[in-house]
C-alpha atoms as a PDB file:
ATOM      1  CA  MET A   1      20.230 -20.965   1.649  1.00  0.00           C
ATOM      2  CA  ALA A   2      17.663 -23.261   3.027  1.00  0.00           C
ATOM      3  CA  LEU A   3      14.967 -21.964   5.197  1.00  0.00           C
ATOM      4  CA  ASN A   4      14.207 -23.912   8.375  1.00  0.00           C
ATOM      5  CA  ALA A   5      10.821 -24.876  10.011  1.00  0.00           C
ATOM      6  CA  ASP A   6      10.532 -21.775  12.115  1.00  0.00           C
ATOM      7  CA  ASP A   7      11.057 -19.631   8.866  1.00  0.00           C
ATOM      8  CA  TYR A   8       8.302 -21.419   7.056  1.00  0.00           C
ATOM      9  CA  ARG A   9       6.082 -21.394  10.105  1.00  0.00           C
ATOM     10  CA  GLN A  10       6.309 -17.562  10.289  1.00  0.00           C
ATOM     11  CA  GLN A  11       5.686 -17.327   6.554  1.00  0.00           C
ATOM     12  CA  LEU A  12       2.543 -19.465   6.756  1.00  0.00           C
ATOM     13  CA  GLN A  13       1.352 -17.615   9.890  1.00  0.00           C
ATOM     14  CA  ALA A  14       1.700 -14.232   8.073  1.00  0.00           C
ATOM     15  CA  LEU A  15      -0.665 -15.661   5.201  1.00  0.00           C
ATOM     16  CA  LEU A  16      -3.476 -16.037   7.956  1.00  0.00           C
ATOM     17  CA  PRO A  17      -6.155 -13.460   8.077  1.00  0.00           C
ATOM     18  CA  GLN A  18      -5.972 -11.110  10.980  1.00  0.00           C
ATOM     19  CA  GLY A  19      -8.468 -11.194  13.863  1.00  0.00           C
ATOM     20  CA  PRO A  20      -9.341 -13.281  17.078  1.00  0.00           C
ATOM     21  CA  ALA A  21     -10.626 -16.229  15.035  1.00  0.00           C
ATOM     22  CA  TRP A  22      -6.981 -16.905  13.840  1.00  0.00           C
ATOM     23  CA  PRO A  23      -4.814 -17.000  16.941  1.00  0.00           C
ATOM     24  CA  ARG A  24      -1.088 -17.210  16.357  1.00  0.00           C
ATOM     25  CA  GLU A  25      -0.004 -19.183  19.321  1.00  0.00           C
ATOM     26  CA  GLU A  26      -0.973 -22.607  20.771  1.00  0.00           C
ATOM     27  CA  SER A  27      -4.006 -23.194  18.566  1.00  0.00           C
ATOM     28  CA  PRO A  28      -4.960 -26.181  16.368  1.00  0.00           C
ATOM     29  CA  VAL A  29      -4.210 -23.953  13.391  1.00  0.00           C
ATOM     30  CA  SER A  30      -0.762 -23.046  14.733  1.00  0.00           C
ATOM     31  CA  ARG A  31       0.005 -26.793  15.276  1.00  0.00           C
ATOM     32  CA  LEU A  32      -1.099 -27.570  11.754  1.00  0.00           C
ATOM     33  CA  LEU A  33       1.120 -24.799  10.357  1.00  0.00           C
ATOM     34  CA  THR A  34       3.998 -26.068  12.467  1.00  0.00           C
ATOM     35  CA  GLY A  35       3.464 -29.593  10.870  1.00  0.00           C
ATOM     36  CA  LEU A  36       3.335 -28.090   7.466  1.00  0.00           C
ATOM     37  CA  ALA A  37       6.373 -25.860   8.153  1.00  0.00           C
ATOM     38  CA  GLN A  38       8.461 -28.905   9.132  1.00  0.00           C
ATOM     39  CA  GLU A  39       7.572 -30.851   5.946  1.00  0.00           C
ATOM     40  CA  LEU A  40       8.275 -27.606   3.813  1.00  0.00           C
ATOM     41  CA  ALA A  41      11.736 -27.229   5.541  1.00  0.00           C
ATOM     42  CA  ARG A  42      12.483 -31.017   4.782  1.00  0.00           C
ATOM     43  CA  VAL A  43      11.595 -30.547   1.142  1.00  0.00           C
ATOM     44  CA  ASP A  44      13.674 -27.247   0.921  1.00  0.00           C
ATOM     45  CA  GLY A  45      16.645 -29.203   2.437  1.00  0.00           C
ATOM     46  CA  ARG A  46      16.221 -31.835  -0.246  1.00  0.00           C
ATOM     47  CA  VAL A  47      16.756 -29.176  -3.117  1.00  0.00           C
ATOM     48  CA  VAL A  48      20.371 -29.058  -2.476  1.00  0.00           C
ATOM     49  CA  THR A  49      20.699 -32.836  -2.559  1.00  0.00           C
ATOM     50  CA  LEU A  50      18.638 -33.067  -5.745  1.00  0.00           C
ATOM     51  CA  LEU A  51      20.968 -30.434  -7.470  1.00  0.00           C
ATOM     52  CA  GLU A  52      23.909 -32.765  -6.459  1.00  0.00           C
ATOM     53  CA  GLU A  53      21.920 -35.800  -7.941  1.00  0.00           C
ATOM     54  CA  ALA A  54      21.407 -34.080 -11.234  1.00  0.00           C
ATOM     55  CA  ASP A  55      25.166 -33.975 -11.738  1.00  0.00           C
ATOM     56  CA  PRO A  56      26.744 -37.376 -12.589  1.00  0.00           C
ATOM     57  CA  ARG A  57      29.961 -36.463 -10.942  1.00  0.00           C
ATOM     58  CA  THR A  58      28.357 -36.013  -7.485  1.00  0.00           C
ATOM     59  CA  THR A  59      25.303 -38.344  -7.697  1.00  0.00           C
ATOM     60  CA  ALA A  60      24.763 -41.151  -5.152  1.00  0.00           C
ATOM     61  CA  GLU A  61      21.069 -41.871  -5.023  1.00  0.00           C
ATOM     62  CA  LEU A  62      20.449 -41.631  -8.729  1.00  0.00           C
ATOM     63  CA  PHE A  63      23.761 -43.345  -9.804  1.00  0.00           C
ATOM     64  CA  ALA A  64      21.985 -46.555 -10.881  1.00  0.00           C
ATOM     65  CA  ASP A  65      19.501 -44.432 -12.950  1.00  0.00           C
ATOM     66  CA  TRP A  66      22.406 -42.543 -14.710  1.00  0.00           C
ATOM     67  CA  GLU A  67      23.940 -45.911 -15.487  1.00  0.00           C
ATOM     68  CA  ARG A  68      20.536 -47.136 -16.939  1.00  0.00           C
ATOM     69  CA  VAL A  69      20.128 -44.067 -19.098  1.00  0.00           C
ATOM     70  CA  THR A  70      23.687 -44.384 -20.482  1.00  0.00           C
ATOM     71  CA  ASP A  71      23.543 -48.234 -20.941  1.00  0.00           C
ATOM     72  CA  LEU A  72      26.117 -49.077 -18.267  1.00  0.00           C
ATOM     73  CA  PRO A  73      27.763 -51.358 -17.381  1.00  0.00           C
ATOM     74  CA  ASP A  74      28.607 -52.089 -20.903  1.00  0.00           C
ATOM     75  CA  GLU A  75      30.093 -55.252 -22.399  1.00  0.00           C
ATOM     76  CA  CYS A  76      33.614 -54.166 -21.228  1.00  0.00           C
ATOM     77  CA  ALA A  77      32.524 -53.742 -17.620  1.00  0.00           C
ATOM     78  CA  ILE A  78      30.845 -57.048 -17.686  1.00  0.00           C
ATOM     79  CA  ALA A  79      33.834 -58.818 -19.268  1.00  0.00           C
ATOM     80  CA  PHE A  80      35.969 -57.001 -16.702  1.00  0.00           C
ATOM     81  CA  GLY A  81      33.936 -59.064 -14.260  1.00  0.00           C
ATOM     82  CA  GLY A  82      31.563 -56.425 -13.254  1.00  0.00           C
ATOM     83  CA  ASP A  83      33.595 -55.910  -9.997  1.00  0.00           C
ATOM     84  CA  GLN A  84      34.453 -52.150 -10.711  1.00  0.00           C
ATOM     85  CA  THR A  85      34.945 -49.719  -7.975  1.00  0.00           C
ATOM     86  CA  THR A  86      32.565 -46.807  -7.530  1.00  0.00           C
ATOM     87  CA  ALA A  87      35.157 -44.402  -9.057  1.00  0.00           C
ATOM     88  CA  GLN A  88      35.757 -46.763 -12.134  1.00  0.00           C
ATOM     89  CA  ARG A  89      31.916 -46.856 -12.590  1.00  0.00           C
ATOM     90  CA  ARG A  90      31.751 -42.956 -12.255  1.00  0.00           C
ATOM     91  CA  ALA A  91      34.627 -42.594 -14.733  1.00  0.00           C
ATOM     92  CA  ALA A  92      32.864 -44.887 -17.262  1.00  0.00           C
ATOM     93  CA  LEU A  93      29.713 -42.985 -16.812  1.00  0.00           C
ATOM     94  CA  LEU A  94      31.347 -39.668 -17.242  1.00  0.00           C
ATOM     95  CA  GLY A  95      33.271 -40.962 -20.171  1.00  0.00           C
ATOM     96  CA  ARG A  96      30.025 -42.163 -21.900  1.00  0.00           C
ATOM     97  CA  LEU A  97      28.442 -38.703 -21.315  1.00  0.00           C
ATOM     98  CA  ILE A  98      31.248 -36.463 -22.572  1.00  0.00           C
ATOM     99  CA  ASN A  99      32.890 -38.666 -25.127  1.00  0.00           C
ATOM    100  CA  LEU A 100      32.936 -37.162 -28.501  1.00  0.00           C
ATOM    101  CA  GLY A 101      34.796 -39.890 -30.206  1.00  0.00           C
ATOM    102  CA  GLY A 102      38.015 -39.701 -32.097  1.00  0.00           C
ATOM    103  CA  GLN A 103      40.512 -41.736 -34.074  1.00  0.00           C
ATOM    104  CA  ASN A 104      43.733 -39.974 -33.244  1.00  0.00           C
ATOM    105  CA  ALA A 105      46.350 -41.075 -30.724  1.00  0.00           C
ATOM    106  CA  GLY A 106      45.450 -38.046 -28.452  1.00  0.00           C
ATOM    107  CA  PHE A 107      41.799 -39.261 -28.106  1.00  0.00           C
ATOM    108  CA  PHE A 108      42.899 -42.733 -26.769  1.00  0.00           C
ATOM    109  CA  VAL A 109      45.459 -41.228 -24.478  1.00  0.00           C
ATOM    110  CA  ASP A 110      42.788 -39.082 -22.964  1.00  0.00           C
ATOM    111  CA  LEU A 111      40.398 -41.956 -22.924  1.00  0.00           C
ATOM    112  CA  ALA A 112      42.760 -44.032 -20.915  1.00  0.00           C
ATOM    113  CA  ALA A 113      43.435 -41.175 -18.556  1.00  0.00           C
ATOM    114  CA  ALA A 114      39.748 -40.924 -17.947  1.00  0.00           C
ATOM    115  CA  LEU A 115      39.762 -44.621 -17.136  1.00  0.00           C
ATOM    116  CA  GLY A 116      42.756 -44.141 -14.663  1.00  0.00           C
ATOM    117  CA  TYR A 117      45.590 -45.410 -16.921  1.00  0.00           C
ATOM    118  CA  ALA A 118      48.655 -43.565 -18.164  1.00  0.00           C
ATOM    119  CA  ILE A 119      49.450 -44.713 -21.742  1.00  0.00           C
ATOM    120  CA  THR A 120      51.258 -43.733 -24.800  1.00  0.00           C
ATOM    121  CA  VAL A 121      50.466 -44.579 -28.459  1.00  0.00           C
ATOM    122  CA  GLN A 122      52.976 -45.684 -31.026  1.00  0.00           C
ATOM    123  CA  ASP A 123      52.197 -45.682 -34.757  1.00  0.00           C
ATOM    124  CA  PHE A 124      53.976 -47.993 -37.356  1.00  0.00           C
ATOM    125  CA  THR A 125      54.928 -47.050 -40.675  1.00  0.00           C
ATOM    126  CA  GLU A 126      55.801 -49.042 -43.823  1.00  0.00           C
ATOM    127  CA  HIS A 127      59.600 -49.091 -44.432  1.00  0.00           C
ATOM    128  CA  THR A 128      60.482 -47.228 -47.479  1.00  0.00           C
ATOM    129  CA  VAL A 129      63.917 -46.500 -49.211  1.00  0.00           C
ATOM    130  CA  ASP A 130      63.721 -43.018 -47.869  1.00  0.00           C
ATOM    131  CA  ASP A 131      63.936 -44.461 -44.245  1.00  0.00           C
ATOM    132  CA  ASP A 132      67.107 -44.479 -42.269  1.00  0.00           C
ATOM    133  CA  VAL A 133      68.725 -47.908 -41.965  1.00  0.00           C
ATOM    134  CA  ASP A 134      67.739 -48.244 -38.232  1.00  0.00           C
ATOM    135  CA  HIS A 135      64.151 -47.848 -39.145  1.00  0.00           C
ATOM    136  CA  PRO A 136      62.176 -51.216 -38.505  1.00  0.00           C
ATOM    137  CA  LEU A 137      61.502 -53.302 -41.579  1.00  0.00           C
ATOM    138  CA  TYR A 138      57.606 -53.106 -41.428  1.00  0.00           C
ATOM    139  CA  GLY A 139      55.603 -54.090 -44.458  1.00  0.00           C
ATOM    140  CA  GLU A 140      52.381 -52.563 -45.807  1.00  0.00           C
ATOM    141  CA  ALA A 141      50.025 -54.199 -43.286  1.00  0.00           C
ATOM    142  CA  TRP A 142      51.907 -52.463 -40.399  1.00  0.00           C
ATOM    143  CA  ALA A 143      50.400 -49.047 -41.632  1.00  0.00           C
ATOM    144  CA  PHE A 144      47.226 -50.256 -40.157  1.00  0.00           C
ATOM    145  CA  ALA A 145      48.595 -51.221 -36.675  1.00  0.00           C
ATOM    146  CA  TRP A 146      49.272 -49.231 -33.678  1.00  0.00           C
ATOM    147  CA  GLN A 147      50.555 -50.026 -30.134  1.00  0.00           C
ATOM    148  CA  VAL A 148      49.266 -48.957 -26.842  1.00  0.00           C
ATOM    149  CA  ASN A 149      52.092 -48.752 -24.236  1.00  0.00           C
ATOM    150  CA  GLY A 150      51.191 -48.895 -20.583  1.00  0.00           C
ATOM    151  CA  VAL A 151      52.204 -50.203 -17.182  1.00  0.00           C
ATOM    152  CA  LEU A 152      51.609 -53.769 -16.434  1.00  0.00           C
ATOM    153  CA  ASN A 153      49.080 -54.286 -13.694  1.00  0.00           C
ATOM    154  CA  GLN A 154      48.596 -50.616 -13.022  1.00  0.00           C
ATOM    155  CA  VAL A 155      47.308 -50.256  -9.531  1.00  0.00           C
ATOM    156  CA  THR A 156      44.310 -47.978  -8.860  1.00  0.00           C
ATOM    157  CA  GLU A 157      44.046 -47.029  -5.212  1.00  0.00           C
ATOM    158  CA  ILE A 158      40.969 -46.041  -3.358  1.00  0.00           C
ATOM    159  CA  THR A 159      40.306 -42.208  -2.895  1.00  0.00           C
ATOM    160  CA  VAL A 160      38.086 -40.359  -0.477  1.00  0.00           C
ATOM    161  CA  ASP A 161      35.260 -40.306  -3.170  1.00  0.00           C
ATOM    162  CA  ASP A 162      35.096 -44.013  -3.335  1.00  0.00           C
ATOM    163  CA  SER A 163      32.559 -46.143  -1.417  1.00  0.00           C
ATOM    164  CA  VAL A 164      33.503 -48.043   1.597  1.00  0.00           C
ATOM    165  CA  ASP A 165      32.592 -51.187  -0.033  1.00  0.00           C
ATOM    166  CA  ASP A 166      35.410 -50.654  -2.694  1.00  0.00           C
ATOM    167  CA  PRO A 167      38.673 -52.416  -2.371  1.00  0.00           C
ATOM    168  CA  ILE A 168      41.564 -50.337  -1.079  1.00  0.00           C
ATOM    169  CA  ALA A 169      43.537 -51.191  -4.369  1.00  0.00           C
ATOM    170  CA  ALA A 170      42.661 -52.752  -7.672  1.00  0.00           C
ATOM    171  CA  TRP A 171      45.005 -53.703 -10.556  1.00  0.00           C
ATOM    172  CA  GLY A 172      44.789 -54.977 -14.286  1.00  0.00           C
ATOM    173  CA  SER A 173      44.368 -53.628 -17.636  1.00  0.00           C
ATOM    174  CA  ALA A 174      41.448 -55.749 -18.993  1.00  0.00           C
ATOM    175  CA  LEU A 175      38.950 -52.888 -18.928  1.00  0.00           C
ATOM    176  CA  LEU A 176      41.409 -50.556 -20.889  1.00  0.00           C
ATOM    177  CA  GLU A 177      41.979 -53.308 -23.541  1.00  0.00           C
ATOM    178  CA  CYS A 178      38.332 -53.920 -23.936  1.00  0.00           C
ATOM    179  CA  VAL A 179      37.381 -50.171 -24.255  1.00  0.00           C
ATOM    180  CA  ILE A 180      40.168 -49.460 -26.751  1.00  0.00           C
ATOM    181  CA  GLU A 181      39.265 -52.547 -28.844  1.00  0.00           C
ATOM    182  CA  ARG A 182      35.518 -51.379 -28.915  1.00  0.00           C
ATOM    183  CA  LEU A 183      36.433 -47.839 -29.906  1.00  0.00           C
ATOM    184  CA  LYS A 184      39.460 -48.305 -32.250  1.00  0.00           C
ATOM    185  CA  PRO A 185      38.958 -47.676 -35.897  1.00  0.00           C
ATOM    186  CA  ALA A 186      37.541 -50.738 -37.493  1.00  0.00           C
ATOM    187  CA  HIS A 187      40.342 -50.993 -40.268  1.00  0.00           C
ATOM    188  CA  THR A 188      43.277 -51.001 -37.643  1.00  0.00           C
ATOM    189  CA  THR A 189      44.886 -53.621 -35.266  1.00  0.00           C
ATOM    190  CA  VAL A 190      45.936 -52.545 -31.882  1.00  0.00           C
ATOM    191  CA  LEU A 191      48.619 -54.128 -29.937  1.00  0.00           C
ATOM    192  CA  PHE A 192      49.284 -53.789 -26.122  1.00  0.00           C
ATOM    193  CA  SER A 193      52.642 -53.541 -24.557  1.00  0.00           C
ATOM    194  CA  TYR A 194      53.173 -53.409 -20.867  1.00  0.00           C
ATOM    195  CA  THR A 195      56.291 -52.651 -19.010  1.00  0.00           C
END
């Protein structure tokens, strides 16, 4: 709980020596302590704000610094047009900080969810004689391909956490495609299918 200026003034006055040379009311020393107390109360109030700024989920004043530290916006955001909403920028920041990497389907589903997209991942396998007759006839090269299935032009709507400068709605999947292409295993080919 933050202390106010009166609390700090009382604490500062309690530190003064006792006696007639140190009056407590309406003296130059008392006015000086009142001014110091106001500044201490202001600084005390900023402590809570600084705690919020230390958390990338709630930062506002230090948001640009968080992006600088994590090398954002990256090439995908720039290719996206750099016109990201605050929520998309924050999602990219959090993704950069907590991303441990991965090569399985679950990793890419979670990555897309963090960016605001709902997807599924489909793997392809080479057709063998043990497969059913209704199994697609994929060759050896298809063993290194996988497909991301998502909604065409998924709409991302503004939330209360967004800035007033953000658009009410945004749509498109260019950011998702860029991020997945950048993080996919190098030996694979990813296809994107939208419905």
